Amino acid sequence: MSLQIVRFNTEAPQIPRVEEALRKLFAAIEAAAPTGIDYTAVRVGDGPEFLLTLQLAGAGANPLLDIPEALAFRTEIARWANGPVPPQPATVLGRYSR
């Protein structure tokens, strides 16, 4: 299992664009229905910070790379954040799920 995060800030006027792009992205992911992933996008508080987490169940390739809307969204993040925001590996130290 692997976990990656993307965390970025944008300018306040961009917030509605980011949120709309996320709605479109998740609609495309739902339509493609990839398996073995847990993908979450959140806006931190009511500010301009966003956090994306991607957990892959296996060691295979990231299925989001086969979804054009996911690739387009990734490109837009750099524009919204005024620079590249590469995914960072993360380590789960604790988790409770029922």
N, C-alpha and C. Protein backbone atom coordinates (compact mmCIF):
# COMPACT_ATOMS: atom_id res chain seq x y z
N MET A 1 0.84 -1.17 0.00
CA MET A 1 0.00 0.00 0.00
C MET A 1 0.89 1.23 0.00
N SER A 2 0.52 2.22 -0.78
CA SER A 2 1.26 3.48 -0.79
C SER A 2 0.29 4.63 -0.60
N LEU A 3 0.80 5.71 -0.04
CA LEU A 3 0.00 6.90 0.20
C LEU A 3 0.78 8.11 -0.29
N GLN A 4 0.11 8.95 -1.07
CA GLN A 4 0.72 10.19 -1.55
C GLN A 4 -0.22 11.34 -1.19
N ILE A 5 0.39 12.49 -0.92
CA ILE A 5 -0.40 13.68 -0.66
C ILE A 5 0.05 14.81 -1.57
N VAL A 6 -0.90 15.67 -1.87
CA VAL A 6 -0.62 16.93 -2.57
C VAL A 6 -1.31 18.00 -1.75
N ARG A 7 -0.54 18.99 -1.35
CA ARG A 7 -1.07 20.08 -0.54
C ARG A 7 -0.69 21.37 -1.24
N PHE A 8 -1.69 22.23 -1.46
CA PHE A 8 -1.38 23.49 -2.12
C PHE A 8 -2.31 24.60 -1.66
N ASN A 9 -1.83 25.82 -1.83
CA ASN A 9 -2.61 27.02 -1.56
C ASN A 9 -2.81 27.75 -2.87
N THR A 10 -3.92 28.46 -2.94
CA THR A 10 -4.20 29.26 -4.12
C THR A 10 -4.69 30.63 -3.67
N GLU A 11 -4.91 31.51 -4.60
CA GLU A 11 -5.46 32.82 -4.28
C GLU A 11 -6.97 32.66 -4.06
N ALA A 12 -7.53 33.45 -3.17
CA ALA A 12 -8.95 33.35 -2.83
C ALA A 12 -9.88 33.38 -4.05
N PRO A 13 -9.63 34.22 -5.06
CA PRO A 13 -10.53 34.22 -6.22
C PRO A 13 -10.53 32.90 -7.01
N GLN A 14 -9.49 32.07 -6.83
CA GLN A 14 -9.40 30.79 -7.54
C GLN A 14 -10.18 29.67 -6.85
N ILE A 15 -10.58 29.86 -5.61
CA ILE A 15 -11.23 28.79 -4.85
C ILE A 15 -12.43 28.19 -5.58
N PRO A 16 -13.36 28.99 -6.09
CA PRO A 16 -14.49 28.38 -6.81
C PRO A 16 -14.06 27.56 -8.02
N ARG A 17 -13.02 27.99 -8.72
CA ARG A 17 -12.53 27.24 -9.88
C ARG A 17 -11.95 25.88 -9.45
N VAL A 18 -11.20 25.89 -8.35
CA VAL A 18 -10.63 24.64 -7.85
C VAL A 18 -11.74 23.69 -7.43
N GLU A 19 -12.73 24.20 -6.72
CA GLU A 19 -13.83 23.36 -6.26
C GLU A 19 -14.62 22.79 -7.43
N GLU A 20 -14.87 23.59 -8.45
CA GLU A 20 -15.59 23.10 -9.64
C GLU A 20 -14.76 22.05 -10.37
N ALA A 21 -13.46 22.28 -10.48
CA ALA A 21 -12.58 21.31 -11.14
C ALA A 21 -12.57 19.99 -10.36
N LEU A 22 -12.62 20.07 -9.04
CA LEU A 22 -12.67 18.85 -8.23
C LEU A 22 -13.98 18.08 -8.45
N ARG A 23 -15.08 18.80 -8.56
CA ARG A 23 -16.37 18.13 -8.85
C ARG A 23 -16.29 17.39 -10.18
N LYS A 24 -15.74 18.03 -11.19
CA LYS A 24 -15.60 17.39 -12.51
C LYS A 24 -14.63 16.21 -12.44
N LEU A 25 -13.54 16.38 -11.71
CA LEU A 25 -12.56 15.31 -11.57
C LEU A 25 -13.19 14.08 -10.93
N PHE A 26 -13.92 14.28 -9.84
CA PHE A 26 -14.50 13.14 -9.16
C PHE A 26 -15.63 12.50 -9.97
N ALA A 27 -16.33 13.28 -10.78
CA ALA A 27 -17.33 12.70 -11.69
C ALA A 27 -16.64 11.79 -12.71
N ALA A 28 -15.50 12.23 -13.22
CA ALA A 28 -14.75 11.43 -14.19
C ALA A 28 -14.20 10.16 -13.54
N ILE A 29 -13.75 10.28 -12.30
CA ILE A 29 -13.24 9.10 -11.59
C ILE A 29 -14.37 8.12 -11.34
N GLU A 30 -15.52 8.62 -10.93
CA GLU A 30 -16.69 7.75 -10.72
C GLU A 30 -17.05 7.02 -12.02
N ALA A 31 -17.02 7.74 -13.13
CA ALA A 31 -17.36 7.14 -14.42
C ALA A 31 -16.35 6.06 -14.82
N ALA A 32 -15.07 6.31 -14.56
CA ALA A 32 -14.03 5.34 -14.91
C ALA A 32 -14.01 4.16 -13.94
N ALA A 33 -14.42 4.39 -12.71
CA ALA A 33 -14.52 3.37 -11.67
C ALA A 33 -13.26 2.53 -11.48
N PRO A 34 -12.10 3.18 -11.28
CA PRO A 34 -10.89 2.39 -11.02
C PRO A 34 -11.01 1.69 -9.67
N THR A 35 -10.35 0.57 -9.55
CA THR A 35 -10.37 -0.17 -8.28
C THR A 35 -9.01 -0.08 -7.60
N GLY A 36 -9.01 -0.35 -6.31
CA GLY A 36 -7.75 -0.38 -5.56
C GLY A 36 -7.23 0.98 -5.17
N ILE A 37 -8.10 2.02 -5.17
CA ILE A 37 -7.64 3.34 -4.76
C ILE A 37 -8.60 3.94 -3.75
N ASP A 38 -8.06 4.82 -2.95
CA ASP A 38 -8.84 5.66 -2.05
C ASP A 38 -8.33 7.07 -2.30
N TYR A 39 -9.16 7.91 -2.89
CA TYR A 39 -8.75 9.26 -3.29
C TYR A 39 -9.66 10.25 -2.59
N THR A 40 -9.06 11.21 -1.92
CA THR A 40 -9.82 12.20 -1.15
C THR A 40 -9.28 13.59 -1.46
N ALA A 41 -10.19 14.54 -1.58
CA ALA A 41 -9.81 15.94 -1.75
C ALA A 41 -10.56 16.75 -0.70
N VAL A 42 -9.85 17.61 0.01
CA VAL A 42 -10.47 18.45 1.02
C VAL A 42 -9.97 19.88 0.89
N ARG A 43 -10.82 20.77 1.31
CA ARG A 43 -10.43 22.17 1.48
C ARG A 43 -10.24 22.35 2.97
N VAL A 44 -9.12 22.90 3.36
CA VAL A 44 -8.80 23.06 4.77
C VAL A 44 -9.48 24.33 5.29
N GLY A 45 -10.40 24.14 6.23
CA GLY A 45 -11.14 25.28 6.78
C GLY A 45 -11.89 26.00 5.68
N ASP A 46 -11.96 27.30 5.79
CA ASP A 46 -12.62 28.08 4.73
C ASP A 46 -11.61 28.92 3.96
N GLY A 47 -10.35 28.54 4.08
CA GLY A 47 -9.27 29.26 3.41
C GLY A 47 -8.93 28.67 2.06
N PRO A 48 -7.81 29.11 1.49
CA PRO A 48 -7.41 28.71 0.14
C PRO A 48 -6.50 27.49 0.08
N GLU A 49 -6.47 26.69 1.15
CA GLU A 49 -5.59 25.53 1.18
C GLU A 49 -6.39 24.26 0.84
N PHE A 50 -5.79 23.42 -0.01
CA PHE A 50 -6.41 22.16 -0.43
C PHE A 50 -5.44 21.03 -0.14
N LEU A 51 -5.99 19.86 0.18
CA LEU A 51 -5.21 18.68 0.45
C LEU A 51 -5.83 17.51 -0.29
N LEU A 52 -5.01 16.82 -1.07
CA LEU A 52 -5.44 15.64 -1.81
C LEU A 52 -4.65 14.45 -1.26
N THR A 53 -5.33 13.34 -1.03
CA THR A 53 -4.65 12.13 -0.61
C THR A 53 -5.03 11.00 -1.56
N LEU A 54 -4.05 10.23 -1.93
CA LEU A 54 -4.25 9.08 -2.80
C LEU A 54 -3.59 7.88 -2.16
N GLN A 55 -4.41 6.89 -1.87
CA GLN A 55 -3.90 5.65 -1.32
C GLN A 55 -4.15 4.54 -2.33
N LEU A 56 -3.08 3.86 -2.71
CA LEU A 56 -3.16 2.75 -3.65
C LEU A 56 -3.04 1.44 -2.89
N ALA A 57 -3.96 0.53 -3.14
CA ALA A 57 -3.97 -0.74 -2.42
C ALA A 57 -2.79 -1.63 -2.79
N GLY A 58 -2.40 -1.61 -4.05
CA GLY A 58 -1.32 -2.48 -4.51
C GLY A 58 -0.11 -1.69 -4.96
N ALA A 59 0.83 -2.41 -5.49
CA ALA A 59 2.07 -1.79 -5.96
C ALA A 59 2.01 -1.44 -7.45
N GLY A 60 0.85 -1.61 -8.06
CA GLY A 60 0.71 -1.34 -9.49
C GLY A 60 0.72 0.14 -9.81
N ALA A 61 0.48 0.41 -11.07
CA ALA A 61 0.48 1.79 -11.55
C ALA A 61 -0.73 2.56 -11.01
N ASN A 62 -0.59 3.84 -10.93
CA ASN A 62 -1.66 4.73 -10.49
C ASN A 62 -2.74 4.79 -11.57
N PRO A 63 -3.95 4.29 -11.31
CA PRO A 63 -4.99 4.29 -12.34
C PRO A 63 -5.50 5.68 -12.71
N LEU A 64 -5.22 6.68 -11.87
CA LEU A 64 -5.63 8.04 -12.21
C LEU A 64 -4.88 8.57 -13.44
N LEU A 65 -3.70 8.01 -13.69
CA LEU A 65 -2.92 8.45 -14.84
C LEU A 65 -3.58 8.08 -16.16
N ASP A 66 -4.57 7.19 -16.12
CA ASP A 66 -5.31 6.81 -17.33
C ASP A 66 -6.59 7.62 -17.52
N ILE A 67 -6.86 8.57 -16.62
CA ILE A 67 -8.07 9.39 -16.70
C ILE A 67 -7.67 10.79 -17.14
N PRO A 68 -8.06 11.20 -18.36
CA PRO A 68 -7.64 12.51 -18.87
C PRO A 68 -7.95 13.67 -17.94
N GLU A 69 -9.10 13.64 -17.28
CA GLU A 69 -9.47 14.74 -16.37
C GLU A 69 -8.52 14.81 -15.18
N ALA A 70 -8.00 13.68 -14.74
CA ALA A 70 -7.04 13.68 -13.63
C ALA A 70 -5.72 14.31 -14.06
N LEU A 71 -5.30 14.01 -15.27
CA LEU A 71 -4.06 14.61 -15.78
C LEU A 71 -4.23 16.11 -15.98
N ALA A 72 -5.39 16.52 -16.48
CA ALA A 72 -5.65 17.95 -16.67
C ALA A 72 -5.69 18.67 -15.32
N PHE A 73 -6.31 18.04 -14.33
CA PHE A 73 -6.38 18.64 -13.00
C PHE A 73 -4.99 18.83 -12.42
N ARG A 74 -4.16 17.84 -12.59
CA ARG A 74 -2.78 17.91 -12.09
C ARG A 74 -2.03 19.10 -12.70
N THR A 75 -2.26 19.33 -13.98
CA THR A 75 -1.63 20.47 -14.66
C THR A 75 -2.14 21.80 -14.09
N GLU A 76 -3.45 21.85 -13.82
CA GLU A 76 -4.05 23.09 -13.30
C GLU A 76 -3.54 23.42 -11.91
N ILE A 77 -3.24 22.42 -11.10
CA ILE A 77 -2.75 22.69 -9.74
C ILE A 77 -1.54 23.62 -9.79
N ALA A 78 -0.63 23.39 -10.70
CA ALA A 78 0.56 24.23 -10.81
C ALA A 78 0.19 25.68 -11.10
N ARG A 79 -0.83 25.87 -11.91
CA ARG A 79 -1.27 27.24 -12.22
C ARG A 79 -1.92 27.88 -10.99
N TRP A 80 -2.80 27.14 -10.33
CA TRP A 80 -3.48 27.69 -9.14
C TRP A 80 -2.51 27.99 -8.02
N ALA A 81 -1.47 27.16 -7.90
CA ALA A 81 -0.51 27.31 -6.80
C ALA A 81 0.68 28.18 -7.19
N ASN A 82 0.71 28.68 -8.41
CA ASN A 82 1.81 29.50 -8.90
C ASN A 82 3.14 28.76 -8.89
N GLY A 83 3.09 27.48 -9.24
CA GLY A 83 4.30 26.68 -9.33
C GLY A 83 3.98 25.21 -9.17
N PRO A 84 4.93 24.36 -9.52
CA PRO A 84 4.70 22.92 -9.43
C PRO A 84 4.45 22.47 -8.00
N VAL A 85 3.57 21.49 -7.86
CA VAL A 85 3.27 20.89 -6.56
C VAL A 85 3.31 19.37 -6.75
N PRO A 86 4.48 18.78 -6.63
CA PRO A 86 4.58 17.33 -6.86
C PRO A 86 3.96 16.54 -5.71
N PRO A 87 3.43 15.37 -6.01
CA PRO A 87 2.93 14.50 -4.94
C PRO A 87 4.09 14.11 -4.01
N GLN A 88 3.78 14.01 -2.74
CA GLN A 88 4.78 13.61 -1.75
C GLN A 88 4.36 12.29 -1.12
N PRO A 89 5.29 11.38 -0.92
CA PRO A 89 4.93 10.15 -0.22
C PRO A 89 4.63 10.46 1.24
N ALA A 90 3.73 9.69 1.81
CA ALA A 90 3.38 9.88 3.23
C ALA A 90 3.32 8.50 3.87
N THR A 91 3.45 8.48 5.17
CA THR A 91 3.40 7.25 5.93
C THR A 91 2.25 7.33 6.92
N VAL A 92 1.36 6.37 6.88
CA VAL A 92 0.24 6.32 7.82
C VAL A 92 0.78 5.83 9.16
N LEU A 93 0.59 6.64 10.18
CA LEU A 93 1.05 6.29 11.52
C LEU A 93 -0.07 5.74 12.39
N GLY A 94 -1.28 5.99 11.98
CA GLY A 94 -2.43 5.47 12.69
C GLY A 94 -3.67 5.71 11.87
N ARG A 95 -4.62 4.79 11.98
CA ARG A 95 -5.86 4.95 11.23
C ARG A 95 -6.92 4.10 11.90
N TYR A 96 -8.08 4.65 12.00
CA TYR A 96 -9.22 3.89 12.50
C TYR A 96 -10.33 4.01 11.47
N SER A 97 -10.86 2.89 11.05
CA SER A 97 -11.96 2.87 10.10
C SER A 97 -12.91 1.78 10.54
N ARG A 98 -14.14 2.10 10.57
CA ARG A 98 -15.11 1.12 11.02
C ARG A 98 -16.04 0.72 9.94
